[in-house]
Amino acid sequence: MNKIVLLTLAFIGGVSLAMQGGLNAKLGVLLRNPFLASIVAFTCSTCFAVLTTLVANRNIPSSVELKQIPTYLWFSGGLFSVLGITLYYYTIPKLGVSTMISMGLSGQLIFAVIAGHYGWLGLPVEPVSLKRFLGIVSMIFGILLINSK
């Protein structure tokens, strides 16, 4: 895939996350519990992922490949997913969707730049450059503008 298609898909992913955050935050308010909203969201997500995998996946890992995956990788992503998503559902009704998403994105980007700089999580090293630093400063300035009244 070319870079424009990948960037478009990433943008659509971001829109999808903002939409699901808003919809499931409303569900959490109606259920009076953001953890219940997370259970509903993850149950539905699991169903959609299983269905998509059954329809589209032709490359299922072997038992030997599955045994080579470190144990912590089976659980840690899910833990951070539940934490992050539940915090979205909890804070969106209190802060508003634009404030929560802008703060969430700032946390994601700042962590991503630091993790990329050091190659954390076994990902490629992407040294902090002046452009990346200016990007973070610009983003923080943008967040201040979005959240100013």
Protein backbone atom coordinates (compact mmCIF):
# COMPACT_ATOMS: atom_id res chain seq x y z
CA MET A 1 0.00 0.00 0.00
CA ASN A 2 1.20 3.48 -0.72
CA LYS A 3 1.73 6.04 2.00
CA ILE A 4 -1.37 8.11 1.18
CA VAL A 5 -3.61 5.06 1.60
CA LEU A 6 -1.90 4.19 4.90
CA LEU A 7 -2.22 7.77 6.19
CA THR A 8 -5.89 7.80 5.17
CA LEU A 9 -6.48 4.53 7.01
CA ALA A 10 -4.73 5.95 10.09
CA PHE A 11 -6.95 9.04 9.93
CA ILE A 12 -10.09 6.89 9.63
CA GLY A 13 -8.84 4.87 12.62
CA GLY A 14 -8.57 8.06 14.64
CA VAL A 15 -12.08 9.14 13.65
CA SER A 16 -13.34 5.67 14.58
CA LEU A 17 -11.72 5.87 18.02
CA ALA A 18 -13.25 9.28 18.66
CA MET A 19 -16.68 8.01 17.55
CA GLN A 20 -16.54 4.86 19.65
CA GLY A 21 -15.34 6.90 22.61
CA GLY A 22 -18.30 9.24 22.37
CA LEU A 23 -20.84 6.47 21.75
CA ASN A 24 -19.56 4.19 24.49
CA ALA A 25 -19.16 7.08 26.95
CA LYS A 26 -22.89 7.72 26.44
CA LEU A 27 -23.51 3.99 27.02
CA GLY A 28 -21.44 4.22 30.22
CA VAL A 29 -23.56 7.15 31.42
CA LEU A 30 -26.78 5.28 30.67
CA LEU A 31 -25.46 2.13 32.37
CA ARG A 32 -24.07 4.32 35.19
CA ASN A 33 -20.77 2.43 34.98
CA PRO A 34 -17.89 2.94 32.51
CA PHE A 35 -16.60 -0.58 33.22
CA LEU A 36 -19.91 -2.08 32.06
CA ALA A 37 -19.62 0.00 28.90
CA SER A 38 -16.12 -1.42 28.44
CA ILE A 39 -17.43 -4.97 28.84
CA VAL A 40 -20.11 -4.35 26.21
CA ALA A 41 -17.62 -2.66 23.86
CA PHE A 42 -14.98 -5.38 24.20
CA THR A 43 -17.54 -8.17 23.85
CA CYS A 44 -18.87 -6.63 20.65
CA SER A 45 -15.30 -5.93 19.46
CA THR A 46 -14.40 -9.57 20.06
CA CYS A 47 -17.40 -10.74 18.05
CA PHE A 48 -16.54 -8.41 15.15
CA ALA A 49 -12.86 -9.41 15.27
CA VAL A 50 -13.69 -13.14 15.30
CA LEU A 51 -16.10 -12.74 12.40
CA THR A 52 -13.59 -10.69 10.39
CA THR A 53 -10.82 -13.18 11.12
CA LEU A 54 -12.97 -16.12 10.02
CA VAL A 55 -13.90 -14.36 6.79
CA ALA A 56 -10.63 -12.65 5.86
CA ASN A 57 -7.70 -14.42 7.53
CA ARG A 58 -5.91 -17.09 5.56
CA ASN A 59 -2.78 -17.18 7.71
CA ILE A 60 -3.45 -18.79 11.11
CA PRO A 61 -0.33 -19.26 13.29
CA SER A 62 0.76 -22.76 14.15
CA SER A 63 0.94 -24.05 17.72
CA VAL A 64 4.75 -23.78 17.55
CA GLU A 65 4.47 -20.09 16.61
CA LEU A 66 1.91 -19.48 19.38
CA LYS A 67 4.22 -21.04 21.99
CA GLN A 68 7.02 -18.64 21.00
CA ILE A 69 4.97 -15.58 21.97
CA PRO A 70 6.02 -14.25 25.41
CA THR A 71 3.30 -14.73 28.04
CA TYR A 72 3.11 -11.04 28.93
CA LEU A 73 2.09 -10.16 25.34
CA TRP A 74 -1.10 -12.21 25.69
CA PHE A 75 -2.33 -9.98 28.55
CA SER A 76 -0.55 -6.62 28.71
CA GLY A 77 -2.15 -5.10 25.60
CA GLY A 78 -5.60 -6.02 26.89
CA LEU A 79 -4.84 -4.49 30.28
CA PHE A 80 -3.78 -1.17 28.78
CA SER A 81 -6.68 -1.31 26.35
CA VAL A 82 -9.24 -1.69 29.15
CA LEU A 83 -7.53 1.02 31.20
CA GLY A 84 -7.37 3.50 28.32
CA ILE A 85 -10.84 2.84 26.96
CA THR A 86 -12.52 2.87 30.36
CA LEU A 87 -10.80 6.17 31.18
CA TYR A 88 -12.15 7.55 27.88
CA TYR A 89 -15.67 6.46 28.81
CA TYR A 90 -15.31 7.93 32.29
CA THR A 91 -13.82 11.29 31.31
CA ILE A 92 -15.68 12.15 28.07
CA PRO A 93 -18.99 12.91 29.84
CA LYS A 94 -17.14 15.03 32.41
CA LEU A 95 -14.70 16.88 30.12
CA GLY A 96 -16.35 16.73 26.70
CA VAL A 97 -15.20 14.74 23.71
CA SER A 98 -12.85 17.36 22.22
CA THR A 99 -11.04 17.97 25.51
CA MET A 100 -10.72 14.28 26.31
CA ILE A 101 -9.60 13.28 22.81
CA SER A 102 -7.09 16.15 22.63
CA MET A 103 -5.64 15.20 26.01
CA GLY A 104 -5.66 11.51 25.08
CA LEU A 105 -3.89 12.25 21.80
CA SER A 106 -1.29 14.35 23.57
CA GLY A 107 -0.57 11.45 25.93
CA GLN A 108 -0.34 9.07 22.99
CA LEU A 109 1.95 11.31 20.96
CA ILE A 110 4.27 12.23 23.82
CA PHE A 111 4.61 8.58 24.80
CA ALA A 112 5.07 7.57 21.15
CA VAL A 113 7.89 10.07 20.62
CA ILE A 114 9.69 8.98 23.81
CA ALA A 115 9.11 5.25 23.12
CA GLY A 116 10.22 5.70 19.52
CA HIS A 117 13.35 7.57 20.57
CA TYR A 118 14.45 4.72 22.84
CA GLY A 119 12.97 1.86 20.79
CA TRP A 120 10.77 0.72 23.69
CA LEU A 121 8.41 -2.22 23.20
CA GLY A 122 10.76 -3.67 20.58
CA LEU A 123 9.70 -1.08 17.99
CA PRO A 124 12.01 0.69 15.52
CA VAL A 125 14.14 3.52 16.91
CA GLU A 126 13.00 6.94 15.72
CA PRO A 127 15.31 9.55 17.27
CA VAL A 128 13.75 12.79 18.50
CA SER A 129 14.51 15.46 15.94
CA LEU A 130 13.90 19.19 15.97
CA LYS A 131 10.83 18.60 13.76
CA ARG A 132 9.36 16.06 16.20
CA PHE A 133 10.08 18.33 19.15
CA LEU A 134 8.43 21.30 17.39
CA GLY A 135 5.50 19.02 16.52
CA ILE A 136 4.95 18.18 20.18
CA VAL A 137 5.22 21.84 21.20
CA SER A 138 2.73 22.79 18.45
CA MET A 139 0.38 20.02 19.58
CA ILE A 140 0.49 21.22 23.19
CA PHE A 141 -0.20 24.77 22.00
CA GLY A 142 -3.11 23.43 19.93
CA ILE A 143 -4.50 21.59 22.94
CA LEU A 144 -4.34 24.79 24.97
CA LEU A 145 -6.27 26.57 22.21
CA ILE A 146 -8.85 23.76 21.94
CA ASN A 147 -9.41 23.81 25.69
CA SER A 148 -9.39 27.58 26.21
CA LYS A 149 -12.77 29.14 26.93
